Amino acid sequence: YLRVTDNHPEVKAVNYSVPTGNFGDILAGYYSKRMGLPVGKLIVATNENDILHRFFTKGEYHRYNIAESISPSMDICVSSNFERYLYHLADDDASTLASWMSTFESTGKITIAGDQLQRAQGDFLSARADTAMTLQTIKEYYDDHSYMLCPHSAVGVSAIHQLKEVNVATVCLATAHEAKFPAACQRAVDPLPTPPEQLSKLFSLKVRSSNCPNDLKTVQAFMEKRIEDRVNGVVAVASCSSTSSSSDSSCGCPFANGQAKKLMIGAAVAALAGILATQLVAKKR
């Protein structure tokens, strides 16, 4: 927002196009707008897994099977954050929301119409970009602007073209470096640009994985032990034991102290301090 309004003082409200499947980042934009940030239009950009697009265009939040796409982080058939927005659409009435969600659990469908649909469409615009449209957007932006989009970011860019919102007041949120998706991007641009050295090294590194049984306490204990090992400079190679069942057991190695928990708390505090410092610097600008 600050970058746009600093460079274009005539812009009073900034629009955001957000590639989304889980409705998390764009929900943050919705909350920011309600809190007073001068946000203009919030654009929900989906791939062919378009439950959100269908809701905002037709009022149909109907669960379908997932279709595999080239933007896998958006291959979601039910958006886990969407219930938060529905609460506000229901006039902050928990009983109405509970009724909607109960219906959805039993039928896989929530349908709205009339004033509620108009309100939802007033809060969000939406567009859908399938694989062909996404690849075309990647190719056009590389050919015309020498800018390489990742498959997720390209969905957001396609959306603003479909909605004719390409202007200095519109921001498309990028999601990842395109070098993470070479197979998909090469379908649009061949040869691909040379990836950053730090990222290209990953492709030659050994893949490490650990198998854990489908048991919450075992997985939690495994993660705590792995963090403790890294804090102590130990290279962990053991996988989870499928026979672990007690709450104080982790892959045959008990988690004997609280170092990992202290580390996670310390990291969270440090991250919060960084965010606050960034906000203070922005205010001083």
C-alpha atoms as a PDB file:
ATOM      1  CA  TYR A   1       0.000   0.000   0.000  1.00  0.00           C
ATOM      2  CA  LEU A   2       2.749   2.476   0.958  1.00  0.00           C
ATOM      3  CA  ARG A   3       4.777   1.700  -2.160  1.00  0.00           C
ATOM      4  CA  VAL A   4       1.793   2.354  -4.442  1.00  0.00           C
ATOM      5  CA  THR A   5       0.596   5.514  -2.722  1.00  0.00           C
ATOM      6  CA  ASP A   6       4.127   6.929  -2.417  1.00  0.00           C
ATOM      7  CA  ASN A   7       4.720   6.513  -6.142  1.00  0.00           C
ATOM      8  CA  HIS A   8       1.190   7.522  -7.124  1.00  0.00           C
ATOM      9  CA  PRO A   9      -0.175  10.117  -4.684  1.00  0.00           C
ATOM     10  CA  GLU A  10      -3.368  10.350  -6.724  1.00  0.00           C
ATOM     11  CA  VAL A  11      -4.295   6.789  -5.673  1.00  0.00           C
ATOM     12  CA  LYS A  12      -6.610   6.909  -2.659  1.00  0.00           C
ATOM     13  CA  ALA A  13      -7.454   3.197  -2.394  1.00  0.00           C
ATOM     14  CA  VAL A  14      -5.428   0.185  -3.539  1.00  0.00           C
ATOM     15  CA  ASN A  15      -6.966  -2.910  -5.142  1.00  0.00           C
ATOM     16  CA  TYR A  16      -5.506  -6.361  -4.469  1.00  0.00           C
ATOM     17  CA  SER A  17      -5.691  -9.482  -6.595  1.00  0.00           C
ATOM     18  CA  VAL A  18      -4.925 -12.522  -4.461  1.00  0.00           C
ATOM     19  CA  PRO A  19      -4.329 -16.042  -5.846  1.00  0.00           C
ATOM     20  CA  THR A  20      -6.195 -18.132  -3.313  1.00  0.00           C
ATOM     21  CA  GLY A  21      -7.576 -21.533  -2.502  1.00  0.00           C
ATOM     22  CA  ASN A  22      -7.786 -21.414   1.273  1.00  0.00           C
ATOM     23  CA  PHE A  23      -9.041 -17.819   1.584  1.00  0.00           C
ATOM     24  CA  GLY A  24      -6.408 -16.865   4.154  1.00  0.00           C
ATOM     25  CA  ASP A  25      -4.362 -14.012   2.693  1.00  0.00           C
ATOM     26  CA  ILE A  26      -7.345 -12.296   1.117  1.00  0.00           C
ATOM     27  CA  LEU A  27      -9.279 -12.617   4.368  1.00  0.00           C
ATOM     28  CA  ALA A  28      -6.462 -10.637   5.991  1.00  0.00           C
ATOM     29  CA  GLY A  29      -7.073  -7.979   3.335  1.00  0.00           C
ATOM     30  CA  TYR A  30     -10.774  -7.979   4.187  1.00  0.00           C
ATOM     31  CA  TYR A  31      -9.994  -7.481   7.873  1.00  0.00           C
ATOM     32  CA  SER A  32      -7.492  -4.736   7.029  1.00  0.00           C
ATOM     33  CA  LYS A  33     -10.174  -2.942   5.037  1.00  0.00           C
ATOM     34  CA  ARG A  34     -12.647  -3.219   7.902  1.00  0.00           C
ATOM     35  CA  MET A  35      -9.983  -1.848  10.252  1.00  0.00           C
ATOM     36  CA  GLY A  36      -9.526   1.258   8.109  1.00  0.00           C
ATOM     37  CA  LEU A  37      -6.827   0.584   5.512  1.00  0.00           C
ATOM     38  CA  PRO A  38      -7.929   2.308   2.279  1.00  0.00           C
ATOM     39  CA  VAL A  39      -8.470  -0.884   0.301  1.00  0.00           C
ATOM     40  CA  GLY A  40     -10.482  -0.656  -2.898  1.00  0.00           C
ATOM     41  CA  LYS A  41     -11.377  -3.943  -4.568  1.00  0.00           C
ATOM     42  CA  LEU A  42     -10.415  -7.358  -3.231  1.00  0.00           C
ATOM     43  CA  ILE A  43     -10.139  -9.842  -6.088  1.00  0.00           C
ATOM     44  CA  VAL A  44     -10.419 -13.572  -5.394  1.00  0.00           C
ATOM     45  CA  ALA A  45      -8.327 -15.329  -8.057  1.00  0.00           C
ATOM     46  CA  THR A  46      -8.807 -19.101  -8.352  1.00  0.00           C
ATOM     47  CA  ASN A  47      -7.632 -21.867 -10.645  1.00  0.00           C
ATOM     48  CA  GLU A  48      -9.975 -24.593 -11.894  1.00  0.00           C
ATOM     49  CA  ASN A  49     -10.681 -25.544  -8.282  1.00  0.00           C
ATOM     50  CA  ASP A  50     -13.059 -22.625  -8.181  1.00  0.00           C
ATOM     51  CA  ILE A  51     -15.421 -23.071  -5.229  1.00  0.00           C
ATOM     52  CA  LEU A  52     -14.736 -19.473  -4.160  1.00  0.00           C
ATOM     53  CA  HIS A  53     -15.303 -18.063  -7.643  1.00  0.00           C
ATOM     54  CA  ARG A  54     -18.591 -19.940  -7.923  1.00  0.00           C
ATOM     55  CA  PHE A  55     -19.685 -18.547  -4.574  1.00  0.00           C
ATOM     56  CA  PHE A  56     -18.974 -14.919  -5.438  1.00  0.00           C
ATOM     57  CA  THR A  57     -20.491 -15.133  -8.916  1.00  0.00           C
ATOM     58  CA  LYS A  58     -23.467 -17.451  -8.354  1.00  0.00           C
ATOM     59  CA  GLY A  59     -23.818 -17.765  -4.590  1.00  0.00           C
ATOM     60  CA  GLU A  60     -22.953 -21.471  -4.754  1.00  0.00           C
ATOM     61  CA  TYR A  61     -20.444 -22.770  -2.248  1.00  0.00           C
ATOM     62  CA  HIS A  62     -20.703 -26.348  -3.478  1.00  0.00           C
ATOM     63  CA  ARG A  63     -17.983 -28.905  -2.857  1.00  0.00           C
ATOM     64  CA  TYR A  64     -16.600 -30.678  -5.937  1.00  0.00           C
ATOM     65  CA  ASN A  65     -13.735 -33.121  -6.331  1.00  0.00           C
ATOM     66  CA  ILE A  66     -10.269 -31.587  -6.623  1.00  0.00           C
ATOM     67  CA  ALA A  67      -8.877 -31.174 -10.131  1.00  0.00           C
ATOM     68  CA  GLU A  68      -5.098 -31.413 -10.395  1.00  0.00           C
ATOM     69  CA  SER A  69      -3.586 -28.194 -11.733  1.00  0.00           C
ATOM     70  CA  ILE A  70      -0.202 -26.539 -12.244  1.00  0.00           C
ATOM     71  CA  SER A  71      -0.828 -24.317  -9.187  1.00  0.00           C
ATOM     72  CA  PRO A  72      -1.028 -27.067  -6.541  1.00  0.00           C
ATOM     73  CA  SER A  73      -1.145 -24.811  -3.483  1.00  0.00           C
ATOM     74  CA  MET A  74      -4.557 -23.669  -4.720  1.00  0.00           C
ATOM     75  CA  ASP A  75      -5.908 -27.165  -5.406  1.00  0.00           C
ATOM     76  CA  ILE A  76      -8.444 -26.989  -2.582  1.00  0.00           C
ATOM     77  CA  CYS A  77     -12.092 -27.986  -2.702  1.00  0.00           C
ATOM     78  CA  VAL A  78     -13.076 -26.516   0.692  1.00  0.00           C
ATOM     79  CA  SER A  79     -11.476 -23.287   1.939  1.00  0.00           C
ATOM     80  CA  SER A  80     -10.647 -23.626   5.609  1.00  0.00           C
ATOM     81  CA  ASN A  81     -10.733 -19.870   6.306  1.00  0.00           C
ATOM     82  CA  PHE A  82     -13.967 -19.171   4.472  1.00  0.00           C
ATOM     83  CA  GLU A  83     -16.132 -19.907   7.503  1.00  0.00           C
ATOM     84  CA  ARG A  84     -14.645 -16.789   9.135  1.00  0.00           C
ATOM     85  CA  TYR A  85     -16.003 -14.599   6.348  1.00  0.00           C
ATOM     86  CA  LEU A  86     -19.369 -16.369   6.347  1.00  0.00           C
ATOM     87  CA  TYR A  87     -19.762 -15.373   9.992  1.00  0.00           C
ATOM     88  CA  HIS A  88     -19.684 -11.711   8.988  1.00  0.00           C
ATOM     89  CA  LEU A  89     -21.922 -12.340   5.990  1.00  0.00           C
ATOM     90  CA  ALA A  90     -24.406 -13.828   8.477  1.00  0.00           C
ATOM     91  CA  ASP A  91     -24.393 -10.494  10.367  1.00  0.00           C
ATOM     92  CA  ASP A  92     -22.091 -11.996  13.008  1.00  0.00           C
ATOM     93  CA  ASP A  93     -24.851 -14.417  13.955  1.00  0.00           C
ATOM     94  CA  ALA A  94     -23.259 -17.636  15.192  1.00  0.00           C
ATOM     95  CA  SER A  95     -26.521 -19.592  15.003  1.00  0.00           C
ATOM     96  CA  THR A  96     -26.978 -18.756  11.312  1.00  0.00           C
ATOM     97  CA  LEU A  97     -23.391 -19.731  10.607  1.00  0.00           C
ATOM     98  CA  ALA A  98     -23.823 -22.984  12.525  1.00  0.00           C
ATOM     99  CA  SER A  99     -26.886 -23.789  10.436  1.00  0.00           C
ATOM    100  CA  TRP A 100     -25.009 -23.094   7.195  1.00  0.00           C
ATOM    101  CA  MET A 101     -22.051 -25.230   8.213  1.00  0.00           C
ATOM    102  CA  SER A 102     -24.290 -28.063   9.394  1.00  0.00           C
ATOM    103  CA  THR A 103     -25.987 -28.036   5.992  1.00  0.00           C
ATOM    104  CA  PHE A 104     -22.613 -27.999   4.280  1.00  0.00           C
ATOM    105  CA  GLU A 105     -21.387 -30.978   6.297  1.00  0.00           C
ATOM    106  CA  SER A 106     -24.436 -33.023   5.356  1.00  0.00           C
ATOM    107  CA  THR A 107     -24.946 -31.922   1.735  1.00  0.00           C
ATOM    108  CA  GLY A 108     -21.660 -30.354   0.611  1.00  0.00           C
ATOM    109  CA  LYS A 109     -23.552 -27.199  -0.340  1.00  0.00           C
ATOM    110  CA  ILE A 110     -24.206 -23.668   0.904  1.00  0.00           C
ATOM    111  CA  THR A 111     -26.299 -21.477  -1.385  1.00  0.00           C
ATOM    112  CA  ILE A 112     -27.049 -17.790  -0.920  1.00  0.00           C
ATOM    113  CA  ALA A 113     -29.025 -15.343  -3.052  1.00  0.00           C
ATOM    114  CA  GLY A 114     -30.608 -11.907  -3.002  1.00  0.00           C
ATOM    115  CA  ASP A 115     -29.227  -9.333  -0.578  1.00  0.00           C
ATOM    116  CA  GLN A 116     -26.638 -11.705   0.877  1.00  0.00           C
ATOM    117  CA  LEU A 117     -25.160 -12.441  -2.537  1.00  0.00           C
ATOM    118  CA  GLN A 118     -25.099  -8.749  -3.387  1.00  0.00           C
ATOM    119  CA  ARG A 119     -23.263  -8.023  -0.133  1.00  0.00           C
ATOM    120  CA  ALA A 120     -20.712 -10.741  -0.837  1.00  0.00           C
ATOM    121  CA  GLN A 121     -20.165  -9.391  -4.344  1.00  0.00           C
ATOM    122  CA  GLY A 122     -19.707  -5.950  -2.825  1.00  0.00           C
ATOM    123  CA  ASP A 123     -16.943  -7.313  -0.601  1.00  0.00           C
ATOM    124  CA  PHE A 124     -15.117  -9.337  -3.254  1.00  0.00           C
ATOM    125  CA  LEU A 125     -14.715  -9.639  -7.000  1.00  0.00           C
ATOM    126  CA  SER A 126     -13.560 -12.958  -8.415  1.00  0.00           C
ATOM    127  CA  ALA A 127     -12.119 -14.583 -11.504  1.00  0.00           C
ATOM    128  CA  ARG A 128     -11.070 -18.073 -12.562  1.00  0.00           C
ATOM    129  CA  ALA A 129      -7.966 -18.972 -14.568  1.00  0.00           C
ATOM    130  CA  ASP A 130      -7.579 -22.560 -15.731  1.00  0.00           C
ATOM    131  CA  THR A 131      -4.287 -24.146 -16.776  1.00  0.00           C
ATOM    132  CA  ALA A 132      -4.407 -22.892 -20.361  1.00  0.00           C
ATOM    133  CA  MET A 133      -5.108 -19.315 -19.248  1.00  0.00           C
ATOM    134  CA  THR A 134      -2.373 -19.504 -16.603  1.00  0.00           C
ATOM    135  CA  LEU A 135       0.225 -20.701 -19.103  1.00  0.00           C
ATOM    136  CA  GLN A 136      -0.805 -18.002 -21.555  1.00  0.00           C
ATOM    137  CA  THR A 137      -0.361 -15.336 -18.870  1.00  0.00           C
ATOM    138  CA  ILE A 138       3.107 -16.652 -17.953  1.00  0.00           C
ATOM    139  CA  LYS A 139       4.160 -16.578 -21.604  1.00  0.00           C
ATOM    140  CA  GLU A 140       2.741 -13.124 -22.315  1.00  0.00           C
ATOM    141  CA  TYR A 141       4.396 -11.505 -19.301  1.00  0.00           C
ATOM    142  CA  TYR A 142       7.739 -13.089 -20.088  1.00  0.00           C
ATOM    143  CA  ASP A 143       7.562 -12.130 -23.755  1.00  0.00           C
ATOM    144  CA  ASP A 144       6.215  -8.614 -23.199  1.00  0.00           C
ATOM    145  CA  HIS A 145       7.818  -7.622 -19.885  1.00  0.00           C
ATOM    146  CA  SER A 146      10.706 -10.095 -19.329  1.00  0.00           C
ATOM    147  CA  TYR A 147       9.005 -11.000 -16.062  1.00  0.00           C
ATOM    148  CA  MET A 148       8.657 -14.651 -15.114  1.00  0.00           C
ATOM    149  CA  LEU A 149       5.527 -15.469 -13.119  1.00  0.00           C
ATOM    150  CA  CYS A 150       5.046 -18.623 -11.090  1.00  0.00           C
ATOM    151  CA  PRO A 151       1.837 -20.577 -11.857  1.00  0.00           C
ATOM    152  CA  HIS A 152       0.091 -19.287  -8.725  1.00  0.00           C
ATOM    153  CA  SER A 153       1.016 -15.635  -9.254  1.00  0.00           C
ATOM    154  CA  ALA A 154      -0.090 -15.899 -12.881  1.00  0.00           C
ATOM    155  CA  VAL A 155      -3.616 -16.774 -11.741  1.00  0.00           C
ATOM    156  CA  GLY A 156      -3.822 -13.445  -9.905  1.00  0.00           C
ATOM    157  CA  VAL A 157      -2.487 -11.561 -12.915  1.00  0.00           C
ATOM    158  CA  SER A 158      -4.942 -13.289 -15.231  1.00  0.00           C
ATOM    159  CA  ALA A 159      -7.761 -12.232 -12.917  1.00  0.00           C
ATOM    160  CA  ILE A 160      -7.066  -8.500 -13.224  1.00  0.00           C
ATOM    161  CA  HIS A 161      -6.991  -8.774 -17.009  1.00  0.00           C
ATOM    162  CA  GLN A 162     -10.312 -10.610 -17.037  1.00  0.00           C
ATOM    163  CA  LEU A 163     -11.874  -7.995 -14.751  1.00  0.00           C
ATOM    164  CA  LYS A 164     -10.203  -5.085 -16.590  1.00  0.00           C
ATOM    165  CA  GLU A 165      -8.502  -3.872 -13.417  1.00  0.00           C
ATOM    166  CA  VAL A 166      -5.009  -3.391 -14.868  1.00  0.00           C
ATOM    167  CA  ASN A 167      -4.005   0.021 -13.510  1.00  0.00           C
ATOM    168  CA  VAL A 168      -1.550   1.697 -11.141  1.00  0.00           C
ATOM    169  CA  ALA A 169      -3.951   1.226  -8.219  1.00  0.00           C
ATOM    170  CA  THR A 170      -4.023  -2.583  -8.488  1.00  0.00           C
ATOM    171  CA  VAL A 171      -1.511  -4.916  -6.857  1.00  0.00           C
ATOM    172  CA  CYS A 172      -1.215  -8.616  -7.690  1.00  0.00           C
ATOM    173  CA  LEU A 173       0.201 -10.541  -4.775  1.00  0.00           C
ATOM    174  CA  ALA A 174       3.011 -12.864  -5.887  1.00  0.00           C
ATOM    175  CA  THR A 175       3.241 -16.199  -4.128  1.00  0.00           C
ATOM    176  CA  ALA A 176       6.532 -17.938  -4.963  1.00  0.00           C
ATOM    177  CA  HIS A 177       9.647 -17.898  -7.115  1.00  0.00           C
ATOM    178  CA  GLU A 178       8.945 -19.463 -10.489  1.00  0.00           C
ATOM    179  CA  ALA A 179      12.031 -21.692 -10.224  1.00  0.00           C
ATOM    180  CA  LYS A 180      10.112 -23.822  -7.715  1.00  0.00           C
ATOM    181  CA  PHE A 181       7.855 -24.957 -10.577  1.00  0.00           C
ATOM    182  CA  PRO A 182      10.164 -25.645 -13.539  1.00  0.00           C
ATOM    183  CA  ALA A 183       8.017 -28.345 -15.144  1.00  0.00           C
ATOM    184  CA  ALA A 184       4.930 -26.140 -15.213  1.00  0.00           C
ATOM    185  CA  CYS A 185       6.730 -22.960 -16.265  1.00  0.00           C
ATOM    186  CA  GLN A 186       8.606 -24.707 -19.061  1.00  0.00           C
ATOM    187  CA  ARG A 187       5.275 -25.450 -20.700  1.00  0.00           C
ATOM    188  CA  ALA A 188       4.998 -21.686 -21.260  1.00  0.00           C
ATOM    189  CA  VAL A 189       8.617 -20.537 -21.525  1.00  0.00           C
ATOM    190  CA  ASP A 190      11.378 -22.702 -22.960  1.00  0.00           C
ATOM    191  CA  PRO A 191      14.225 -22.397 -22.191  1.00  0.00           C
ATOM    192  CA  LEU A 192      13.613 -21.168 -18.659  1.00  0.00           C
ATOM    193  CA  PRO A 193      15.592 -18.328 -17.087  1.00  0.00           C
ATOM    194  CA  THR A 194      18.554 -19.419 -14.976  1.00  0.00           C
ATOM    195  CA  PRO A 195      17.352 -19.866 -11.393  1.00  0.00           C
ATOM    196  CA  PRO A 196      19.135 -18.185  -8.463  1.00  0.00           C
ATOM    197  CA  GLU A 197      22.202 -20.124  -7.331  1.00  0.00           C
ATOM    198  CA  GLN A 198      20.816 -20.674  -3.848  1.00  0.00           C
ATOM    199  CA  LEU A 199      17.670 -22.240  -5.256  1.00  0.00           C
ATOM    200  CA  SER A 200      19.307 -24.276  -8.017  1.00  0.00           C
ATOM    201  CA  LYS A 201      21.501 -26.009  -5.425  1.00  0.00           C
ATOM    202  CA  LEU A 202      18.416 -27.574  -3.896  1.00  0.00           C
ATOM    203  CA  PHE A 203      17.837 -29.759  -6.935  1.00  0.00           C
ATOM    204  CA  SER A 204      21.127 -31.609  -6.359  1.00  0.00           C
ATOM    205  CA  LEU A 205      20.803 -32.068  -2.606  1.00  0.00           C
ATOM    206  CA  LYS A 206      19.873 -35.380  -1.057  1.00  0.00           C
ATOM    207  CA  VAL A 207      16.188 -35.773  -0.261  1.00  0.00           C
ATOM    208  CA  ARG A 208      15.591 -36.664   3.376  1.00  0.00           C
ATOM    209  CA  SER A 209      12.313 -37.968   4.729  1.00  0.00           C
ATOM    210  CA  SER A 210      10.997 -39.671   7.843  1.00  0.00           C
ATOM    211  CA  ASN A 211       8.027 -42.000   8.080  1.00  0.00           C
ATOM    212  CA  CYS A 212       5.689 -41.601  11.035  1.00  0.00           C
ATOM    213  CA  PRO A 213       2.520 -43.513  11.904  1.00  0.00           C
ATOM    214  CA  ASN A 214      -0.784 -41.668  11.710  1.00  0.00           C
ATOM    215  CA  ASP A 215      -0.752 -40.749  15.391  1.00  0.00           C
ATOM    216  CA  LEU A 216      -0.806 -37.161  16.685  1.00  0.00           C
ATOM    217  CA  LYS A 217       1.277 -37.671  19.830  1.00  0.00           C
ATOM    218  CA  THR A 218       3.919 -39.646  17.951  1.00  0.00           C
ATOM    219  CA  VAL A 219       4.263 -36.934  15.308  1.00  0.00           C
ATOM    220  CA  GLN A 220       4.398 -34.173  17.958  1.00  0.00           C
ATOM    221  CA  ALA A 221       7.064 -36.030  19.894  1.00  0.00           C
ATOM    222  CA  PHE A 222       9.043 -36.644  16.695  1.00  0.00           C
ATOM    223  CA  MET A 223       9.019 -32.938  15.832  1.00  0.00           C
ATOM    224  CA  GLU A 224      10.083 -31.936  19.347  1.00  0.00           C
ATOM    225  CA  LYS A 225      12.961 -34.409  19.248  1.00  0.00           C
ATOM    226  CA  ARG A 226      14.041 -33.254  15.785  1.00  0.00           C
ATOM    227  CA  ILE A 227      14.101 -29.610  16.939  1.00  0.00           C
ATOM    228  CA  GLU A 228      16.075 -30.547  20.043  1.00  0.00           C
ATOM    229  CA  ASP A 229      18.607 -32.443  17.920  1.00  0.00           C
ATOM    230  CA  ARG A 230      19.089 -29.445  15.633  1.00  0.00           C
ATOM    231  CA  VAL A 231      19.525 -27.100  18.609  1.00  0.00           C
ATOM    232  CA  ASN A 232      22.230 -29.429  19.916  1.00  0.00           C
ATOM    233  CA  GLY A 233      23.862 -29.817  16.511  1.00  0.00           C
ATOM    234  CA  VAL A 234      22.882 -33.454  16.127  1.00  0.00           C
ATOM    235  CA  VAL A 235      22.121 -34.745  12.619  1.00  0.00           C
ATOM    236  CA  ALA A 236      18.948 -36.790  13.042  1.00  0.00           C
ATOM    237  CA  VAL A 237      18.600 -39.782  10.754  1.00  0.00           C
ATOM    238  CA  ALA A 238      16.164 -42.039  12.585  1.00  0.00           C
ATOM    239  CA  SER A 239      12.550 -42.250  11.512  1.00  0.00           C
ATOM    240  CA  CYS A 240       9.555 -42.619  13.768  1.00  0.00           C
ATOM    241  CA  SER A 241       8.913 -45.974  15.332  1.00  0.00           C
ATOM    242  CA  SER A 242       5.548 -47.364  14.323  1.00  0.00           C
ATOM    243  CA  THR A 243       5.290 -48.974  17.727  1.00  0.00           C
ATOM    244  CA  SER A 244       5.523 -45.731  19.695  1.00  0.00           C
ATOM    245  CA  SER A 245       2.366 -45.229  21.664  1.00  0.00           C
ATOM    246  CA  SER A 246       3.118 -43.558  24.987  1.00  0.00           C
ATOM    247  CA  SER A 247       2.868 -39.803  25.322  1.00  0.00           C
ATOM    248  CA  ASP A 248       6.470 -39.447  26.532  1.00  0.00           C
ATOM    249  CA  SER A 249       8.024 -41.451  23.713  1.00  0.00           C
ATOM    250  CA  SER A 250       9.434 -40.124  20.459  1.00  0.00           C
ATOM    251  CA  CYS A 251      10.939 -42.522  18.002  1.00  0.00           C
ATOM    252  CA  GLY A 252      12.530 -44.433  20.858  1.00  0.00           C
ATOM    253  CA  CYS A 253      14.116 -41.248  22.242  1.00  0.00           C
ATOM    254  CA  PRO A 254      12.325 -39.439  25.097  1.00  0.00           C
ATOM    255  CA  PHE A 255      12.171 -35.667  24.873  1.00  0.00           C
ATOM    256  CA  ALA A 256      13.907 -34.950  28.135  1.00  0.00           C
ATOM    257  CA  ASN A 257      13.770 -31.183  28.437  1.00  0.00           C
ATOM    258  CA  GLY A 258      11.972 -28.085  27.208  1.00  0.00           C
ATOM    259  CA  GLN A 259      14.686 -26.678  24.949  1.00  0.00           C
ATOM    260  CA  ALA A 260      12.665 -27.029  21.769  1.00  0.00           C
ATOM    261  CA  LYS A 261       9.628 -25.330  23.255  1.00  0.00           C
ATOM    262  CA  LYS A 262      11.809 -22.482  24.524  1.00  0.00           C
ATOM    263  CA  LEU A 263      13.356 -22.189  21.070  1.00  0.00           C
ATOM    264  CA  MET A 264       9.952 -21.979  19.370  1.00  0.00           C
ATOM    265  CA  ILE A 265       8.757 -19.342  21.859  1.00  0.00           C
ATOM    266  CA  GLY A 266      11.949 -17.348  21.369  1.00  0.00           C
ATOM    267  CA  ALA A 267      11.580 -17.527  17.586  1.00  0.00           C
ATOM    268  CA  ALA A 268       7.990 -16.324  17.812  1.00  0.00           C
ATOM    269  CA  VAL A 269       8.997 -13.382  20.028  1.00  0.00           C
ATOM    270  CA  ALA A 270      11.814 -12.471  17.648  1.00  0.00           C
ATOM    271  CA  ALA A 271       9.460 -12.600  14.672  1.00  0.00           C
ATOM    272  CA  LEU A 272       6.941 -10.367  16.459  1.00  0.00           C
ATOM    273  CA  ALA A 273       9.681  -7.887  17.331  1.00  0.00           C
ATOM    274  CA  GLY A 274      10.692  -7.800  13.665  1.00  0.00           C
ATOM    275  CA  ILE A 275       7.131  -7.117  12.558  1.00  0.00           C
ATOM    276  CA  LEU A 276       6.725  -4.316  15.087  1.00  0.00           C
ATOM    277  CA  ALA A 277      10.038  -2.777  14.022  1.00  0.00           C
ATOM    278  CA  THR A 278       8.946  -2.858  10.378  1.00  0.00           C
ATOM    279  CA  GLN A 279       5.658  -1.170  11.265  1.00  0.00           C
ATOM    280  CA  LEU A 280       7.461   1.565  13.196  1.00  0.00           C
ATOM    281  CA  VAL A 281       9.775   2.238  10.270  1.00  0.00           C
ATOM    282  CA  ALA A 282       6.772   2.420   7.940  1.00  0.00           C
ATOM    283  CA  LYS A 283       5.038   4.920  10.223  1.00  0.00           C
ATOM    284  CA  LYS A 284       8.126   7.119  10.311  1.00  0.00           C
ATOM    285  CA  ARG A 285       8.059   7.279   6.530  1.00  0.00           C
END
